[in-house]
Amino acid sequence: MKSDTKEEAIAEVKKICAEKDLSEGYEWKIENCDEGGINELGETLKNEIIEVISKGLEACIEECHE
């Protein structure tokens, strides 16, 4: 995420989910996947990701302190 706080990240995720534009400006990294990053997602996968995220948005976002 490009946000600095969890609250900003939640707003950012809500926006990209509403626009169904999950890959624009983002590189997805999937746990236990050998690929370095995924830049393109099919419509079915986008819809499934949005559905999962929408069910528990706050639980999906973890604060990261670098």
N, C-alpha and C. Protein backbone atom coordinates (compact mmCIF):
# COMPACT_ATOMS: atom_id res chain seq x y z
N MET A 1 0.85 -1.17 0.00
CA MET A 1 0.00 0.00 0.00
C MET A 1 0.90 1.24 0.00
N LYS A 2 0.33 2.29 -0.46
CA LYS A 2 1.08 3.54 -0.53
C LYS A 2 0.78 4.45 0.66
N SER A 3 -0.09 4.00 1.53
CA SER A 3 -0.54 4.80 2.67
C SER A 3 0.45 4.73 3.83
N ASP A 4 0.41 5.75 4.68
CA ASP A 4 1.30 5.81 5.83
C ASP A 4 0.65 5.28 7.11
N THR A 5 -0.68 5.25 7.17
CA THR A 5 -1.37 4.77 8.36
C THR A 5 -2.38 3.69 7.98
N LYS A 6 -2.81 2.93 8.96
CA LYS A 6 -3.80 1.89 8.71
C LYS A 6 -5.10 2.51 8.19
N GLU A 7 -5.50 3.65 8.75
CA GLU A 7 -6.73 4.30 8.33
C GLU A 7 -6.64 4.74 6.87
N GLU A 8 -5.49 5.28 6.48
CA GLU A 8 -5.30 5.68 5.08
C GLU A 8 -5.31 4.46 4.18
N ALA A 9 -4.72 3.36 4.64
CA ALA A 9 -4.69 2.12 3.85
C ALA A 9 -6.09 1.58 3.64
N ILE A 10 -6.93 1.64 4.68
CA ILE A 10 -8.31 1.18 4.56
C ILE A 10 -9.05 2.01 3.51
N ALA A 11 -8.87 3.31 3.55
CA ALA A 11 -9.50 4.18 2.55
C ALA A 11 -8.97 3.88 1.15
N GLU A 12 -7.67 3.63 1.05
CA GLU A 12 -7.05 3.31 -0.24
C GLU A 12 -7.63 2.00 -0.80
N VAL A 13 -7.75 0.98 0.04
CA VAL A 13 -8.28 -0.31 -0.40
C VAL A 13 -9.74 -0.17 -0.81
N LYS A 14 -10.53 0.57 -0.03
CA LYS A 14 -11.93 0.79 -0.39
C LYS A 14 -12.04 1.43 -1.76
N LYS A 15 -11.16 2.38 -2.04
CA LYS A 15 -11.19 3.08 -3.33
C LYS A 15 -10.83 2.14 -4.47
N ILE A 16 -9.76 1.37 -4.33
CA ILE A 16 -9.36 0.49 -5.45
C ILE A 16 -10.37 -0.64 -5.64
N CYS A 17 -11.02 -1.08 -4.56
CA CYS A 17 -12.06 -2.10 -4.69
C CYS A 17 -13.29 -1.52 -5.38
N ALA A 18 -13.68 -0.31 -5.03
CA ALA A 18 -14.84 0.32 -5.65
C ALA A 18 -14.60 0.54 -7.15
N GLU A 19 -13.37 0.87 -7.50
CA GLU A 19 -13.03 1.10 -8.90
C GLU A 19 -12.67 -0.19 -9.63
N LYS A 20 -12.56 -1.30 -8.89
CA LYS A 20 -12.16 -2.60 -9.42
C LYS A 20 -10.86 -2.50 -10.22
N ASP A 21 -9.95 -1.69 -9.69
CA ASP A 21 -8.67 -1.47 -10.36
C ASP A 21 -7.55 -1.91 -9.42
N LEU A 22 -7.45 -3.21 -9.23
CA LEU A 22 -6.53 -3.75 -8.23
C LEU A 22 -5.07 -3.74 -8.65
N SER A 23 -4.80 -3.69 -9.93
CA SER A 23 -3.40 -3.81 -10.35
C SER A 23 -2.75 -2.50 -10.75
N GLU A 24 -3.51 -1.45 -10.98
CA GLU A 24 -2.94 -0.18 -11.42
C GLU A 24 -2.02 0.39 -10.34
N GLY A 25 -0.72 0.41 -10.63
CA GLY A 25 0.24 0.99 -9.70
C GLY A 25 0.65 0.08 -8.56
N TYR A 26 0.22 -1.18 -8.59
CA TYR A 26 0.54 -2.12 -7.52
C TYR A 26 1.14 -3.39 -8.11
N GLU A 27 2.00 -4.03 -7.34
CA GLU A 27 2.52 -5.35 -7.70
C GLU A 27 2.12 -6.30 -6.59
N TRP A 28 1.33 -7.29 -6.91
CA TRP A 28 0.82 -8.23 -5.93
C TRP A 28 1.85 -9.31 -5.64
N LYS A 29 2.02 -9.62 -4.38
CA LYS A 29 2.89 -10.72 -3.97
C LYS A 29 2.01 -11.73 -3.25
N ILE A 30 2.09 -12.96 -3.69
CA ILE A 30 1.26 -14.03 -3.16
C ILE A 30 2.11 -14.95 -2.29
N GLU A 31 1.64 -15.22 -1.07
CA GLU A 31 2.37 -16.11 -0.18
C GLU A 31 2.56 -17.47 -0.83
N ASN A 32 3.72 -18.05 -0.63
CA ASN A 32 4.06 -19.38 -1.15
C ASN A 32 4.03 -19.46 -2.67
N CYS A 33 4.26 -18.34 -3.33
CA CYS A 33 4.29 -18.29 -4.79
C CYS A 33 5.70 -17.94 -5.23
N ASP A 34 6.24 -18.70 -6.16
CA ASP A 34 7.61 -18.49 -6.61
C ASP A 34 7.78 -17.25 -7.49
N GLU A 35 6.68 -16.74 -8.06
CA GLU A 35 6.75 -15.56 -8.92
C GLU A 35 7.14 -14.35 -8.07
N GLY A 36 7.92 -13.44 -8.64
CA GLY A 36 8.37 -12.26 -7.92
C GLY A 36 7.25 -11.28 -7.63
N GLY A 37 6.33 -11.13 -8.54
CA GLY A 37 5.21 -10.22 -8.36
C GLY A 37 4.24 -10.39 -9.52
N ILE A 38 2.98 -10.13 -9.27
CA ILE A 38 1.95 -10.29 -10.29
C ILE A 38 1.40 -8.91 -10.62
N ASN A 39 1.43 -8.56 -11.90
CA ASN A 39 1.00 -7.23 -12.32
C ASN A 39 -0.35 -7.21 -13.01
N GLU A 40 -0.90 -8.37 -13.36
CA GLU A 40 -2.16 -8.41 -14.09
C GLU A 40 -3.05 -9.49 -13.49
N LEU A 41 -4.30 -9.16 -13.25
CA LEU A 41 -5.25 -10.10 -12.67
C LEU A 41 -6.46 -10.22 -13.59
N GLY A 42 -6.98 -11.44 -13.76
CA GLY A 42 -8.19 -11.66 -14.55
C GLY A 42 -9.41 -11.13 -13.81
N GLU A 43 -10.50 -10.93 -14.55
CA GLU A 43 -11.73 -10.38 -13.95
C GLU A 43 -12.28 -11.26 -12.84
N THR A 44 -12.27 -12.57 -13.06
CA THR A 44 -12.80 -13.49 -12.04
C THR A 44 -11.97 -13.39 -10.77
N LEU A 45 -10.66 -13.38 -10.91
CA LEU A 45 -9.79 -13.28 -9.74
C LEU A 45 -9.97 -11.93 -9.05
N LYS A 46 -10.07 -10.85 -9.81
CA LYS A 46 -10.31 -9.52 -9.22
C LYS A 46 -11.56 -9.54 -8.36
N ASN A 47 -12.65 -10.09 -8.92
CA ASN A 47 -13.91 -10.13 -8.18
C ASN A 47 -13.81 -10.97 -6.92
N GLU A 48 -13.09 -12.09 -6.98
CA GLU A 48 -12.90 -12.93 -5.80
C GLU A 48 -12.07 -12.22 -4.73
N ILE A 49 -11.03 -11.53 -5.15
CA ILE A 49 -10.19 -10.78 -4.20
C ILE A 49 -11.02 -9.68 -3.53
N ILE A 50 -11.78 -8.95 -4.31
CA ILE A 50 -12.62 -7.87 -3.77
C ILE A 50 -13.62 -8.44 -2.77
N GLU A 51 -14.22 -9.58 -3.09
CA GLU A 51 -15.18 -10.20 -2.19
C GLU A 51 -14.53 -10.58 -0.86
N VAL A 52 -13.36 -11.19 -0.91
CA VAL A 52 -12.66 -11.60 0.31
C VAL A 52 -12.25 -10.38 1.13
N ILE A 53 -11.68 -9.38 0.47
CA ILE A 53 -11.24 -8.17 1.17
C ILE A 53 -12.43 -7.48 1.81
N SER A 54 -13.53 -7.40 1.11
CA SER A 54 -14.71 -6.68 1.61
C SER A 54 -15.31 -7.33 2.85
N LYS A 55 -15.15 -8.65 3.00
CA LYS A 55 -15.71 -9.35 4.15
C LYS A 55 -15.01 -8.97 5.45
N GLY A 56 -13.72 -8.65 5.38
CA GLY A 56 -12.97 -8.34 6.61
C GLY A 56 -11.83 -7.40 6.32
N LEU A 57 -12.17 -6.25 5.79
CA LEU A 57 -11.16 -5.30 5.32
C LEU A 57 -10.13 -4.97 6.39
N GLU A 58 -10.56 -4.61 7.58
CA GLU A 58 -9.61 -4.20 8.61
C GLU A 58 -8.69 -5.34 9.03
N ALA A 59 -9.19 -6.57 8.97
CA ALA A 59 -8.38 -7.73 9.34
C ALA A 59 -7.34 -8.04 8.26
N CYS A 60 -7.60 -7.58 7.03
CA CYS A 60 -6.68 -7.85 5.91
C CYS A 60 -5.49 -6.90 5.91
N ILE A 61 -5.59 -5.81 6.63
CA ILE A 61 -4.53 -4.80 6.60
C ILE A 61 -3.75 -4.85 7.90
N GLU A 62 -2.47 -4.99 7.76
CA GLU A 62 -1.57 -5.09 8.91
C GLU A 62 -0.58 -3.92 8.84
N GLU A 63 -0.42 -3.23 9.95
CA GLU A 63 0.53 -2.12 9.97
C GLU A 63 1.95 -2.67 9.89
N CYS A 64 2.75 -2.01 9.11
CA CYS A 64 4.12 -2.44 8.91
C CYS A 64 5.03 -1.26 9.26
N HIS A 65 5.96 -1.49 10.15
CA HIS A 65 6.89 -0.44 10.56
C HIS A 65 8.27 -0.78 10.02
N GLU A 66 8.72 0.00 9.04
CA GLU A 66 10.03 -0.27 8.45
C GLU A 66 11.06 0.67 8.98
